[in-house]
Amino acid sequence: MNLHHKALRHFISASVIVLTSSFLI
């Protein structure tokens, strides 16, 4: 359960970075 939560947070963080990069370009 904890591992799944950590993976979910990592996925959200990556998604935010991609969205920010797309917005900047």
PDB file of N, CA and C in Angstrom:
ATOM      1  N   MET A   1       0.832  -1.198   0.000  1.00  0.00           N
ATOM      2  CA  MET A   1       0.000   0.000   0.000  1.00  0.00           C
ATOM      3  C   MET A   1       0.875   1.259   0.000  1.00  0.00           C
ATOM      4  N   ASN A   2       1.851   1.289   0.889  1.00  0.00           N
ATOM      5  CA  ASN A   2       2.741   2.454   0.954  1.00  0.00           C
ATOM      6  C   ASN A   2       3.503   2.605  -0.356  1.00  0.00           C
ATOM      7  N   LEU A   3       3.943   1.468  -0.915  1.00  0.00           N
ATOM      8  CA  LEU A   3       4.695   1.506  -2.168  1.00  0.00           C
ATOM      9  C   LEU A   3       3.817   2.066  -3.283  1.00  0.00           C
ATOM     10  N   HIS A   4       2.549   1.628  -3.312  1.00  0.00           N
ATOM     11  CA  HIS A   4       1.631   2.109  -4.352  1.00  0.00           C
ATOM     12  C   HIS A   4       1.447   3.618  -4.221  1.00  0.00           C
ATOM     13  N   HIS A   5       1.310   4.093  -2.988  1.00  0.00           N
ATOM     14  CA  HIS A   5       1.118   5.532  -2.761  1.00  0.00           C
ATOM     15  C   HIS A   5       2.347   6.304  -3.242  1.00  0.00           C
ATOM     16  N   LYS A   6       3.532   5.765  -2.956  1.00  0.00           N
ATOM     17  CA  LYS A   6       4.771   6.426  -3.371  1.00  0.00           C
ATOM     18  C   LYS A   6       4.848   6.476  -4.894  1.00  0.00           C
ATOM     19  N   ALA A   7       4.472   5.373  -5.539  1.00  0.00           N
ATOM     20  CA  ALA A   7       4.506   5.325  -7.009  1.00  0.00           C
ATOM     21  C   ALA A   7       3.513   6.334  -7.570  1.00  0.00           C
ATOM     22  N   LEU A   8       2.347   6.435  -6.945  1.00  0.00           N
ATOM     23  CA  LEU A   8       1.323   7.370  -7.416  1.00  0.00           C
ATOM     24  C   LEU A   8       1.835   8.802  -7.313  1.00  0.00           C
ATOM     25  N   ARG A   9       2.477   9.129  -6.200  1.00  0.00           N
ATOM     26  CA  ARG A   9       3.023  10.488  -6.032  1.00  0.00           C
ATOM     27  C   ARG A   9       4.083  10.762  -7.082  1.00  0.00           C
ATOM     28  N   HIS A  10       4.920   9.755  -7.372  1.00  0.00           N
ATOM     29  CA  HIS A  10       5.980   9.927  -8.369  1.00  0.00           C
ATOM     30  C   HIS A  10       5.355  10.174  -9.739  1.00  0.00           C
ATOM     31  N   PHE A  11       4.290   9.436 -10.052  1.00  0.00           N
ATOM     32  CA  PHE A  11       3.616   9.591 -11.344  1.00  0.00           C
ATOM     33  C   PHE A  11       3.011  10.986 -11.465  1.00  0.00           C
ATOM     34  N   ILE A  12       2.386  11.466 -10.390  1.00  0.00           N
ATOM     35  CA  ILE A  12       1.784  12.805 -10.404  1.00  0.00           C
ATOM     36  C   ILE A  12       2.880  13.853 -10.581  1.00  0.00           C
ATOM     37  N   SER A  13       3.994  13.677  -9.887  1.00  0.00           N
ATOM     38  CA  SER A  13       5.102  14.635  -9.994  1.00  0.00           C
ATOM     39  C   SER A  13       5.614  14.691 -11.431  1.00  0.00           C
ATOM     40  N   ALA A  14       5.775  13.515 -12.047  1.00  0.00           N
ATOM     41  CA  ALA A  14       6.259  13.466 -13.430  1.00  0.00           C
ATOM     42  C   ALA A  14       5.254  14.150 -14.352  1.00  0.00           C
ATOM     43  N   SER A  15       3.967  13.918 -14.108  1.00  0.00           N
ATOM     44  CA  SER A  15       2.923  14.520 -14.949  1.00  0.00           C
ATOM     45  C   SER A  15       2.975  16.039 -14.839  1.00  0.00           C
ATOM     46  N   VAL A  16       3.162  16.544 -13.631  1.00  0.00           N
ATOM     47  CA  VAL A  16       3.231  17.993 -13.423  1.00  0.00           C
ATOM     48  C   VAL A  16       4.432  18.572 -14.177  1.00  0.00           C
ATOM     49  N   ILE A  17       5.561  17.891 -14.113  1.00  0.00           N
ATOM     50  CA  ILE A  17       6.765  18.366 -14.809  1.00  0.00           C
ATOM     51  C   ILE A  17       6.521  18.406 -16.311  1.00  0.00           C
ATOM     52  N   VAL A  18       5.892  17.372 -16.849  1.00  0.00           N
ATOM     53  CA  VAL A  18       5.610  17.324 -18.290  1.00  0.00           C
ATOM     54  C   VAL A  18       4.663  18.458 -18.674  1.00  0.00           C
ATOM     55  N   LEU A  19       3.628  18.666 -17.870  1.00  0.00           N
ATOM     56  CA  LEU A  19       2.670  19.735 -18.171  1.00  0.00           C
ATOM     57  C   LEU A  19       3.363  21.092 -18.128  1.00  0.00           C
ATOM     58  N   THR A  20       4.216  21.305 -17.145  1.00  0.00           N
ATOM     59  CA  THR A  20       4.935  22.577 -17.033  1.00  0.00           C
ATOM     60  C   THR A  20       5.845  22.785 -18.238  1.00  0.00           C
ATOM     61  N   SER A  21       6.559  21.731 -18.623  1.00  0.00           N
ATOM     62  CA  SER A  21       7.464  21.829 -19.774  1.00  0.00           C
ATOM     63  C   SER A  21       6.672  22.151 -21.038  1.00  0.00           C
ATOM     64  N   SER A  22       5.540  21.491 -21.208  1.00  0.00           N
ATOM     65  CA  SER A  22       4.712  21.717 -22.400  1.00  0.00           C
ATOM     66  C   SER A  22       4.194  23.158 -22.407  1.00  0.00           C
ATOM     67  N   PHE A  23       3.835  23.663 -21.233  1.00  0.00           N
ATOM     68  CA  PHE A  23       3.318  25.027 -21.134  1.00  0.00           C
ATOM     69  C   PHE A  23       4.410  26.053 -21.456  1.00  0.00           C
ATOM     70  N   LEU A  24       5.635  25.793 -20.976  1.00  0.00           N
ATOM     71  CA  LEU A  24       6.734  26.733 -21.209  1.00  0.00           C
ATOM     72  C   LEU A  24       7.112  26.788 -22.685  1.00  0.00           C
ATOM     73  N   ILE A  25       7.066  25.639 -23.352  1.00  0.00           N
ATOM     74  CA  ILE A  25       7.473  25.603 -24.767  1.00  0.00           C
ATOM     75  C   ILE A  25       6.385  26.226 -25.639  1.00  0.00           C
TER      76      ILE A  25
END
